[in-house]
Amino acid sequence: MITPAQQKWIDHLSDVDKIVIFPYDPKAPEKFEQVKSEIQSIIGTEYEVLHRGASALGISGQKEIDVYIPILPEQIEELTPKMEAVWGKPKSVYPQERTKFYRHIDGTRIEIMLTNQDHQSWIDGEKHFSYLKQNPEALEKYRKLKEDGNGVSVREYYRRKIEFINEILNRTNE
């Protein structure tokens, strides 16, 4: 099941552009550590810098590394200018939720998110990530979902992905 808010977001996605899925990159952890070091040199080591997404799970994905910095909402505004000085203007800003920066390292897209640690989207993401880490069978289904999404529209891919995530969240909330 997809919520009305999720459907609204899905509807804004392209139904023409296609998703490309790549095999897991064994260099992803090394690339993450490089980015983490750079981030900590900018904002300090008192903030957690976390590797999430497919590359953190060791499965196929969109050749990207998701980097999250979970912080208080007011810290997003405080740290954004520091990040901009090195990473450039944010690619997307959702006030009180997250600010996203992009970068590329050796053909891999790095997505860096200053994210509100108290926002439901972060909390749900962590539940989903933890569930997959603890349940190899669910992780295998997620890997297959991603690989089966190769070549489908961006809109269809994210619809499938959100349905799967919601199913996991329903299990964790029971």
N, C-alpha and C. Protein backbone atom coordinates (compact mmCIF):
# COMPACT_ATOMS: atom_id res chain seq x y z
N MET A 1 0.83 -1.18 0.00
CA MET A 1 0.00 0.00 0.00
C MET A 1 0.88 1.25 0.00
N ILE A 2 0.45 2.23 -0.74
CA ILE A 2 1.18 3.49 -0.84
C ILE A 2 0.30 4.59 -0.26
N THR A 3 0.89 5.44 0.56
CA THR A 3 0.13 6.54 1.16
C THR A 3 -0.12 7.63 0.11
N PRO A 4 -1.10 8.49 0.35
CA PRO A 4 -1.34 9.60 -0.60
C PRO A 4 -0.10 10.50 -0.78
N ALA A 5 0.62 10.77 0.28
CA ALA A 5 1.84 11.60 0.16
C ALA A 5 2.89 10.89 -0.68
N GLN A 6 3.05 9.59 -0.48
CA GLN A 6 4.00 8.83 -1.29
C GLN A 6 3.57 8.82 -2.76
N GLN A 7 2.27 8.67 -3.01
CA GLN A 7 1.77 8.66 -4.38
C GLN A 7 2.03 10.00 -5.05
N LYS A 8 1.84 11.08 -4.31
CA LYS A 8 2.10 12.41 -4.87
C LYS A 8 3.56 12.52 -5.29
N TRP A 9 4.47 12.03 -4.45
CA TRP A 9 5.90 12.07 -4.78
C TRP A 9 6.18 11.18 -6.00
N ILE A 10 5.63 9.99 -6.02
CA ILE A 10 5.83 9.06 -7.15
C ILE A 10 5.34 9.71 -8.46
N ASP A 11 4.20 10.38 -8.39
CA ASP A 11 3.61 10.98 -9.59
C ASP A 11 4.50 12.06 -10.22
N HIS A 12 5.38 12.65 -9.43
CA HIS A 12 6.25 13.70 -10.00
C HIS A 12 7.47 13.10 -10.71
N LEU A 13 7.68 11.80 -10.56
CA LEU A 13 8.83 11.14 -11.18
C LEU A 13 8.58 10.83 -12.65
N SER A 14 9.65 10.68 -13.39
CA SER A 14 9.56 10.42 -14.82
C SER A 14 9.01 9.02 -15.10
N ASP A 15 8.10 8.96 -16.07
CA ASP A 15 7.66 7.65 -16.54
C ASP A 15 8.30 7.34 -17.90
N VAL A 16 9.30 8.17 -18.28
CA VAL A 16 10.04 7.97 -19.52
C VAL A 16 11.48 7.54 -19.23
N ASP A 17 12.14 8.24 -18.31
CA ASP A 17 13.53 7.90 -17.95
C ASP A 17 13.57 6.50 -17.33
N LYS A 18 14.63 5.78 -17.66
CA LYS A 18 14.75 4.39 -17.20
C LYS A 18 15.82 4.26 -16.11
N ILE A 19 15.59 3.33 -15.23
CA ILE A 19 16.53 3.00 -14.15
C ILE A 19 17.59 2.05 -14.69
N VAL A 20 18.83 2.28 -14.26
CA VAL A 20 19.92 1.37 -14.61
C VAL A 20 20.49 0.84 -13.30
N ILE A 21 20.53 -0.47 -13.18
CA ILE A 21 21.04 -1.13 -11.97
C ILE A 21 22.40 -1.75 -12.30
N PHE A 22 23.34 -1.56 -11.39
CA PHE A 22 24.70 -2.05 -11.54
C PHE A 22 25.00 -3.08 -10.45
N PRO A 23 25.93 -3.99 -10.72
CA PRO A 23 26.35 -4.92 -9.67
C PRO A 23 26.98 -4.15 -8.49
N TYR A 24 26.98 -4.77 -7.33
CA TYR A 24 27.60 -4.20 -6.15
C TYR A 24 29.06 -3.86 -6.45
N ASP A 25 29.48 -2.69 -6.01
CA ASP A 25 30.87 -2.23 -6.18
C ASP A 25 31.65 -2.56 -4.92
N PRO A 26 32.59 -3.51 -4.97
CA PRO A 26 33.35 -3.86 -3.77
C PRO A 26 34.22 -2.71 -3.25
N LYS A 27 34.39 -1.66 -4.04
CA LYS A 27 35.15 -0.49 -3.58
C LYS A 27 34.26 0.53 -2.86
N ALA A 28 32.97 0.26 -2.77
CA ALA A 28 32.04 1.19 -2.13
C ALA A 28 32.43 1.53 -0.69
N PRO A 29 32.80 0.56 0.15
CA PRO A 29 33.18 0.92 1.52
C PRO A 29 34.39 1.87 1.56
N GLU A 30 35.34 1.64 0.68
CA GLU A 30 36.52 2.51 0.62
C GLU A 30 36.13 3.93 0.17
N LYS A 31 35.26 4.03 -0.82
CA LYS A 31 34.79 5.33 -1.29
C LYS A 31 34.02 6.04 -0.18
N PHE A 32 33.18 5.28 0.54
CA PHE A 32 32.44 5.88 1.65
C PHE A 32 33.41 6.44 2.69
N GLU A 33 34.42 5.68 3.05
CA GLU A 33 35.38 6.16 4.06
C GLU A 33 36.08 7.43 3.61
N GLN A 34 36.37 7.53 2.33
CA GLN A 34 37.00 8.73 1.79
C GLN A 34 36.06 9.93 1.97
N VAL A 35 34.80 9.75 1.61
CA VAL A 35 33.82 10.83 1.73
C VAL A 35 33.59 11.17 3.20
N LYS A 36 33.48 10.16 4.04
CA LYS A 36 33.27 10.39 5.47
C LYS A 36 34.41 11.24 6.04
N SER A 37 35.62 10.93 5.68
CA SER A 37 36.78 11.69 6.14
C SER A 37 36.70 13.15 5.68
N GLU A 38 36.32 13.34 4.43
CA GLU A 38 36.19 14.71 3.90
C GLU A 38 35.09 15.47 4.65
N ILE A 39 33.97 14.82 4.87
CA ILE A 39 32.86 15.48 5.57
C ILE A 39 33.29 15.86 6.98
N GLN A 40 33.92 14.93 7.69
CA GLN A 40 34.34 15.22 9.06
C GLN A 40 35.38 16.33 9.12
N SER A 41 36.18 16.47 8.07
CA SER A 41 37.15 17.58 8.06
C SER A 41 36.44 18.92 7.88
N ILE A 42 35.21 18.90 7.36
CA ILE A 42 34.43 20.11 7.14
C ILE A 42 33.57 20.44 8.37
N ILE A 43 32.85 19.44 8.88
CA ILE A 43 31.87 19.71 9.94
C ILE A 43 32.30 19.23 11.32
N GLY A 44 33.37 18.46 11.39
CA GLY A 44 33.84 17.94 12.67
C GLY A 44 33.48 16.48 12.86
N THR A 45 34.13 15.88 13.83
CA THR A 45 33.93 14.44 14.07
C THR A 45 32.83 14.16 15.10
N GLU A 46 32.21 15.20 15.63
CA GLU A 46 31.16 14.96 16.62
C GLU A 46 29.84 14.50 15.99
N TYR A 47 29.76 14.57 14.66
CA TYR A 47 28.55 14.14 13.97
C TYR A 47 28.75 12.75 13.38
N GLU A 48 27.69 11.93 13.49
CA GLU A 48 27.73 10.61 12.85
C GLU A 48 27.64 10.78 11.34
N VAL A 49 28.43 10.03 10.62
CA VAL A 49 28.37 9.99 9.16
C VAL A 49 28.15 8.52 8.81
N LEU A 50 26.97 8.20 8.27
CA LEU A 50 26.56 6.81 8.10
C LEU A 50 26.42 6.42 6.64
N HIS A 51 26.85 5.21 6.33
CA HIS A 51 26.72 4.62 5.00
C HIS A 51 25.42 3.83 4.99
N ARG A 52 24.53 4.17 4.06
CA ARG A 52 23.25 3.48 3.95
C ARG A 52 22.99 3.13 2.48
N GLY A 53 21.84 2.57 2.20
CA GLY A 53 21.47 2.23 0.83
C GLY A 53 22.03 0.90 0.38
N ALA A 54 21.86 0.61 -0.90
CA ALA A 54 22.25 -0.68 -1.48
C ALA A 54 23.73 -0.97 -1.28
N SER A 55 24.58 0.03 -1.47
CA SER A 55 26.03 -0.23 -1.34
C SER A 55 26.40 -0.59 0.10
N ALA A 56 25.68 -0.06 1.08
CA ALA A 56 25.94 -0.43 2.48
C ALA A 56 25.42 -1.83 2.78
N LEU A 57 24.43 -2.27 2.01
CA LEU A 57 23.87 -3.61 2.18
C LEU A 57 24.63 -4.67 1.39
N GLY A 58 25.53 -4.21 0.51
CA GLY A 58 26.32 -5.14 -0.29
C GLY A 58 25.55 -5.75 -1.44
N ILE A 59 24.58 -4.99 -2.00
CA ILE A 59 23.77 -5.50 -3.11
C ILE A 59 23.82 -4.56 -4.30
N SER A 60 23.29 -5.03 -5.42
CA SER A 60 23.20 -4.23 -6.64
C SER A 60 22.41 -2.96 -6.38
N GLY A 61 22.71 -1.92 -7.16
CA GLY A 61 22.00 -0.66 -7.00
C GLY A 61 22.27 0.27 -8.16
N GLN A 62 22.04 1.55 -7.95
CA GLN A 62 22.15 2.54 -9.01
C GLN A 62 23.54 3.17 -9.12
N LYS A 63 24.54 2.47 -8.65
CA LYS A 63 25.93 2.95 -8.67
C LYS A 63 26.04 4.27 -7.92
N GLU A 64 25.53 4.22 -6.68
CA GLU A 64 25.59 5.38 -5.81
C GLU A 64 25.87 4.94 -4.38
N ILE A 65 26.36 5.87 -3.61
CA ILE A 65 26.61 5.64 -2.20
C ILE A 65 25.79 6.68 -1.44
N ASP A 66 24.91 6.21 -0.57
CA ASP A 66 24.08 7.09 0.24
C ASP A 66 24.79 7.35 1.56
N VAL A 67 25.03 8.63 1.83
CA VAL A 67 25.71 9.06 3.05
C VAL A 67 24.74 9.93 3.84
N TYR A 68 24.49 9.55 5.07
CA TYR A 68 23.56 10.30 5.91
C TYR A 68 24.28 10.87 7.13
N ILE A 69 23.88 12.09 7.46
CA ILE A 69 24.36 12.74 8.67
C ILE A 69 23.10 13.11 9.46
N PRO A 70 22.67 12.22 10.38
CA PRO A 70 21.45 12.49 11.15
C PRO A 70 21.73 13.51 12.25
N ILE A 71 20.99 14.62 12.20
CA ILE A 71 21.21 15.73 13.13
C ILE A 71 19.87 16.37 13.50
N LEU A 72 19.92 17.31 14.43
CA LEU A 72 18.73 18.06 14.80
C LEU A 72 18.38 19.02 13.66
N PRO A 73 17.09 19.38 13.51
CA PRO A 73 16.69 20.24 12.39
C PRO A 73 17.46 21.56 12.31
N GLU A 74 17.69 22.18 13.46
CA GLU A 74 18.40 23.46 13.45
C GLU A 74 19.87 23.30 13.02
N GLN A 75 20.42 22.11 13.19
CA GLN A 75 21.80 21.86 12.77
C GLN A 75 21.90 21.75 11.24
N ILE A 76 20.79 21.38 10.58
CA ILE A 76 20.80 21.33 9.12
C ILE A 76 21.12 22.72 8.58
N GLU A 77 20.42 23.73 9.09
CA GLU A 77 20.66 25.11 8.66
C GLU A 77 22.07 25.56 9.02
N GLU A 78 22.56 25.13 10.16
CA GLU A 78 23.90 25.52 10.63
C GLU A 78 25.00 24.89 9.77
N LEU A 79 24.84 23.63 9.38
CA LEU A 79 25.89 22.93 8.65
C LEU A 79 25.82 23.10 7.14
N THR A 80 24.67 23.48 6.61
CA THR A 80 24.53 23.62 5.16
C THR A 80 25.57 24.56 4.55
N PRO A 81 25.79 25.75 5.09
CA PRO A 81 26.81 26.62 4.48
C PRO A 81 28.22 26.01 4.49
N LYS A 82 28.55 25.28 5.52
CA LYS A 82 29.87 24.61 5.57
C LYS A 82 29.98 23.57 4.46
N MET A 83 28.91 22.81 4.26
CA MET A 83 28.89 21.80 3.20
C MET A 83 28.93 22.45 1.82
N GLU A 84 28.18 23.55 1.66
CA GLU A 84 28.14 24.25 0.37
C GLU A 84 29.53 24.73 -0.05
N ALA A 85 30.33 25.14 0.91
CA ALA A 85 31.68 25.65 0.61
C ALA A 85 32.53 24.61 -0.12
N VAL A 86 32.26 23.32 0.13
CA VAL A 86 33.04 22.25 -0.49
C VAL A 86 32.25 21.51 -1.55
N TRP A 87 30.98 21.25 -1.29
CA TRP A 87 30.17 20.40 -2.16
C TRP A 87 29.29 21.18 -3.13
N GLY A 88 29.24 22.51 -3.00
CA GLY A 88 28.40 23.32 -3.87
C GLY A 88 26.98 23.41 -3.33
N LYS A 89 26.13 24.08 -4.09
CA LYS A 89 24.74 24.27 -3.68
C LYS A 89 24.03 22.92 -3.54
N PRO A 90 23.12 22.80 -2.56
CA PRO A 90 22.36 21.56 -2.42
C PRO A 90 21.55 21.27 -3.67
N LYS A 91 21.37 20.00 -3.97
CA LYS A 91 20.56 19.57 -5.12
C LYS A 91 19.09 19.54 -4.77
N SER A 92 18.79 19.35 -3.50
CA SER A 92 17.40 19.44 -3.06
C SER A 92 17.38 19.82 -1.58
N VAL A 93 16.33 20.56 -1.23
CA VAL A 93 16.15 21.00 0.15
C VAL A 93 14.69 20.76 0.53
N TYR A 94 14.49 19.98 1.57
CA TYR A 94 13.18 19.77 2.15
C TYR A 94 13.27 20.32 3.57
N PRO A 95 12.78 21.56 3.79
CA PRO A 95 12.93 22.18 5.11
C PRO A 95 12.46 21.28 6.25
N GLN A 96 13.22 21.28 7.31
CA GLN A 96 12.94 20.48 8.51
C GLN A 96 13.05 18.98 8.28
N GLU A 97 13.43 18.55 7.07
CA GLU A 97 13.58 17.12 6.79
C GLU A 97 15.00 16.78 6.36
N ARG A 98 15.47 17.34 5.22
CA ARG A 98 16.82 17.01 4.76
C ARG A 98 17.30 18.00 3.70
N THR A 99 18.61 18.07 3.58
CA THR A 99 19.28 18.82 2.52
C THR A 99 20.25 17.85 1.86
N LYS A 100 20.17 17.77 0.52
CA LYS A 100 20.94 16.76 -0.21
C LYS A 100 21.99 17.41 -1.11
N PHE A 101 23.20 16.84 -1.05
CA PHE A 101 24.31 17.23 -1.91
C PHE A 101 24.73 16.03 -2.75
N TYR A 102 25.25 16.28 -3.97
CA TYR A 102 25.75 15.22 -4.84
C TYR A 102 27.21 15.44 -5.15
N ARG A 103 27.87 14.35 -5.42
CA ARG A 103 29.26 14.38 -5.86
C ARG A 103 29.53 13.08 -6.60
N HIS A 104 30.57 13.02 -7.39
CA HIS A 104 30.96 11.79 -8.08
C HIS A 104 32.39 11.43 -7.73
N ILE A 105 32.62 10.15 -7.51
CA ILE A 105 33.97 9.61 -7.30
C ILE A 105 34.10 8.39 -8.19
N ASP A 106 35.01 8.45 -9.13
CA ASP A 106 35.26 7.32 -10.04
C ASP A 106 33.98 6.74 -10.64
N GLY A 107 33.09 7.61 -11.11
CA GLY A 107 31.87 7.15 -11.76
C GLY A 107 30.75 6.76 -10.81
N THR A 108 30.98 6.87 -9.51
CA THR A 108 29.94 6.56 -8.53
C THR A 108 29.35 7.86 -8.00
N ARG A 109 28.02 7.94 -8.01
CA ARG A 109 27.37 9.13 -7.47
C ARG A 109 27.30 9.00 -5.95
N ILE A 110 27.72 10.05 -5.28
CA ILE A 110 27.67 10.11 -3.82
C ILE A 110 26.53 11.07 -3.46
N GLU A 111 25.57 10.59 -2.69
CA GLU A 111 24.47 11.43 -2.21
C GLU A 111 24.69 11.65 -0.72
N ILE A 112 24.87 12.90 -0.36
CA ILE A 112 25.12 13.24 1.04
C ILE A 112 23.91 13.99 1.57
N MET A 113 23.34 13.47 2.65
CA MET A 113 22.15 14.08 3.20
C MET A 113 22.32 14.50 4.64
N LEU A 114 22.17 15.80 4.86
CA LEU A 114 22.00 16.30 6.22
C LEU A 114 20.53 16.03 6.51
N THR A 115 20.25 15.15 7.45
CA THR A 115 18.87 14.71 7.66
C THR A 115 18.42 14.90 9.10
N ASN A 116 17.18 15.27 9.26
CA ASN A 116 16.58 15.48 10.58
C ASN A 116 16.42 14.12 11.26
N GLN A 117 17.17 13.91 12.32
CA GLN A 117 17.18 12.63 13.02
C GLN A 117 15.83 12.30 13.66
N ASP A 118 14.95 13.29 13.80
CA ASP A 118 13.64 13.05 14.42
C ASP A 118 12.51 12.96 13.40
N HIS A 119 12.84 13.12 12.10
CA HIS A 119 11.80 13.07 11.06
C HIS A 119 11.42 11.61 10.79
N GLN A 120 10.15 11.38 10.53
CA GLN A 120 9.65 10.02 10.33
C GLN A 120 10.33 9.32 9.16
N SER A 121 10.69 10.06 8.12
CA SER A 121 11.35 9.42 6.97
C SER A 121 12.70 8.82 7.37
N TRP A 122 13.46 9.50 8.23
CA TRP A 122 14.74 8.96 8.70
C TRP A 122 14.49 7.75 9.60
N ILE A 123 13.55 7.87 10.52
CA ILE A 123 13.24 6.79 11.45
C ILE A 123 12.80 5.54 10.67
N ASP A 124 11.92 5.72 9.69
CA ASP A 124 11.47 4.59 8.87
C ASP A 124 12.61 3.99 8.05
N GLY A 125 13.45 4.85 7.52
CA GLY A 125 14.60 4.37 6.75
C GLY A 125 15.52 3.50 7.59
N GLU A 126 15.74 3.91 8.82
CA GLU A 126 16.59 3.12 9.72
C GLU A 126 15.95 1.79 10.09
N LYS A 127 14.63 1.79 10.28
CA LYS A 127 13.91 0.53 10.56
C LYS A 127 14.07 -0.43 9.38
N HIS A 128 13.89 0.10 8.18
CA HIS A 128 14.00 -0.71 6.97
C HIS A 128 15.42 -1.26 6.82
N PHE A 129 16.41 -0.40 6.97
CA PHE A 129 17.80 -0.80 6.83
C PHE A 129 18.16 -1.88 7.85
N SER A 130 17.78 -1.67 9.10
CA SER A 130 18.07 -2.65 10.16
C SER A 130 17.39 -3.99 9.90
N TYR A 131 16.14 -3.92 9.43
CA TYR A 131 15.41 -5.15 9.14
C TYR A 131 16.13 -5.96 8.07
N LEU A 132 16.56 -5.28 7.01
CA LEU A 132 17.26 -5.98 5.93
C LEU A 132 18.59 -6.55 6.41
N LYS A 133 19.30 -5.82 7.25
CA LYS A 133 20.58 -6.31 7.77
C LYS A 133 20.39 -7.56 8.63
N GLN A 134 19.26 -7.65 9.29
CA GLN A 134 19.00 -8.77 10.21
C GLN A 134 18.23 -9.93 9.57
N ASN A 135 17.73 -9.74 8.35
CA ASN A 135 16.89 -10.75 7.71
C ASN A 135 17.38 -11.03 6.29
N PRO A 136 18.29 -12.00 6.14
CA PRO A 136 18.87 -12.30 4.82
C PRO A 136 17.83 -12.62 3.75
N GLU A 137 16.73 -13.25 4.12
CA GLU A 137 15.70 -13.58 3.15
C GLU A 137 15.06 -12.30 2.59
N ALA A 138 14.78 -11.35 3.45
CA ALA A 138 14.20 -10.06 3.01
C ALA A 138 15.23 -9.28 2.18
N LEU A 139 16.49 -9.33 2.58
CA LEU A 139 17.54 -8.66 1.82
C LEU A 139 17.63 -9.24 0.41
N GLU A 140 17.51 -10.55 0.31
CA GLU A 140 17.57 -11.20 -1.01
C GLU A 140 16.38 -10.76 -1.88
N LYS A 141 15.20 -10.64 -1.28
CA LYS A 141 14.02 -10.16 -2.03
C LYS A 141 14.24 -8.71 -2.49
N TYR A 142 14.85 -7.91 -1.64
CA TYR A 142 15.12 -6.51 -1.98
C TYR A 142 16.14 -6.43 -3.12
N ARG A 143 17.17 -7.26 -3.05
CA ARG A 143 18.18 -7.30 -4.12
C ARG A 143 17.50 -7.65 -5.44
N LYS A 144 16.63 -8.66 -5.40
CA LYS A 144 15.93 -9.09 -6.62
C LYS A 144 15.01 -7.99 -7.13
N LEU A 145 14.31 -7.33 -6.24
CA LEU A 145 13.44 -6.22 -6.63
C LEU A 145 14.25 -5.16 -7.37
N LYS A 146 15.42 -4.82 -6.84
CA LYS A 146 16.26 -3.82 -7.48
C LYS A 146 16.74 -4.31 -8.85
N GLU A 147 17.23 -5.51 -8.93
CA GLU A 147 17.74 -6.03 -10.20
C GLU A 147 16.62 -6.17 -11.23
N ASP A 148 15.43 -6.57 -10.79
CA ASP A 148 14.29 -6.67 -11.71
C ASP A 148 13.81 -5.29 -12.18
N GLY A 149 14.24 -4.24 -11.47
CA GLY A 149 13.88 -2.88 -11.84
C GLY A 149 14.76 -2.30 -12.93
N ASN A 150 15.80 -3.01 -13.30
CA ASN A 150 16.69 -2.52 -14.36
C ASN A 150 15.88 -2.33 -15.65
N GLY A 151 15.89 -1.10 -16.17
CA GLY A 151 15.20 -0.82 -17.43
C GLY A 151 13.77 -0.34 -17.29
N VAL A 152 13.18 -0.39 -16.09
CA VAL A 152 11.83 0.14 -15.93
C VAL A 152 11.90 1.65 -15.72
N SER A 153 10.76 2.31 -15.80
CA SER A 153 10.74 3.76 -15.60
C SER A 153 11.10 4.10 -14.16
N VAL A 154 11.60 5.31 -13.99
CA VAL A 154 11.93 5.79 -12.64
C VAL A 154 10.69 5.73 -11.76
N ARG A 155 9.56 6.13 -12.30
CA ARG A 155 8.31 6.13 -11.53
C ARG A 155 7.95 4.71 -11.08
N GLU A 156 8.01 3.75 -12.00
CA GLU A 156 7.65 2.37 -11.66
C GLU A 156 8.63 1.77 -10.66
N TYR A 157 9.90 2.05 -10.84
CA TYR A 157 10.92 1.52 -9.92
C TYR A 157 10.65 1.98 -8.49
N TYR A 158 10.43 3.28 -8.32
CA TYR A 158 10.22 3.79 -6.97
C TYR A 158 8.87 3.36 -6.40
N ARG A 159 7.86 3.16 -7.26
CA ARG A 159 6.60 2.63 -6.77
C ARG A 159 6.82 1.24 -6.17
N ARG A 160 7.53 0.37 -6.89
CA ARG A 160 7.82 -0.98 -6.40
C ARG A 160 8.63 -0.92 -5.10
N LYS A 161 9.63 -0.07 -5.10
CA LYS A 161 10.51 0.04 -3.94
C LYS A 161 9.74 0.53 -2.70
N ILE A 162 8.91 1.54 -2.88
CA ILE A 162 8.13 2.07 -1.74
C ILE A 162 7.15 1.03 -1.23
N GLU A 163 6.51 0.29 -2.13
CA GLU A 163 5.60 -0.78 -1.68
C GLU A 163 6.35 -1.81 -0.84
N PHE A 164 7.54 -2.19 -1.28
CA PHE A 164 8.35 -3.16 -0.53
C PHE A 164 8.73 -2.60 0.84
N ILE A 165 9.19 -1.36 0.87
CA ILE A 165 9.59 -0.73 2.13
C ILE A 165 8.40 -0.65 3.08
N ASN A 166 7.24 -0.25 2.56
CA ASN A 166 6.04 -0.18 3.41
C ASN A 166 5.67 -1.54 3.98
N GLU A 167 5.84 -2.57 3.19
CA GLU A 167 5.58 -3.94 3.67
C GLU A 167 6.50 -4.28 4.84
N ILE A 168 7.78 -3.94 4.70
CA ILE A 168 8.75 -4.17 5.79
C ILE A 168 8.38 -3.36 7.02
N LEU A 169 8.04 -2.10 6.83
CA LEU A 169 7.68 -1.25 7.96
C LEU A 169 6.45 -1.77 8.68
N ASN A 170 5.49 -2.29 7.93
CA ASN A 170 4.31 -2.88 8.56
C ASN A 170 4.69 -4.06 9.44
N ARG A 171 5.67 -4.85 9.00
CA ARG A 171 6.15 -5.98 9.82
C ARG A 171 6.83 -5.49 11.09
N THR A 172 7.61 -4.44 10.98
CA THR A 172 8.36 -3.96 12.14
C THR A 172 7.46 -3.24 13.14
N ASN A 173 6.30 -2.78 12.69
CA ASN A 173 5.38 -2.06 13.57
C ASN A 173 4.33 -2.96 14.20
N GLU A 174 4.35 -4.25 13.84
CA GLU A 174 3.34 -5.18 14.39
C GLU A 174 3.65 -5.54 15.83
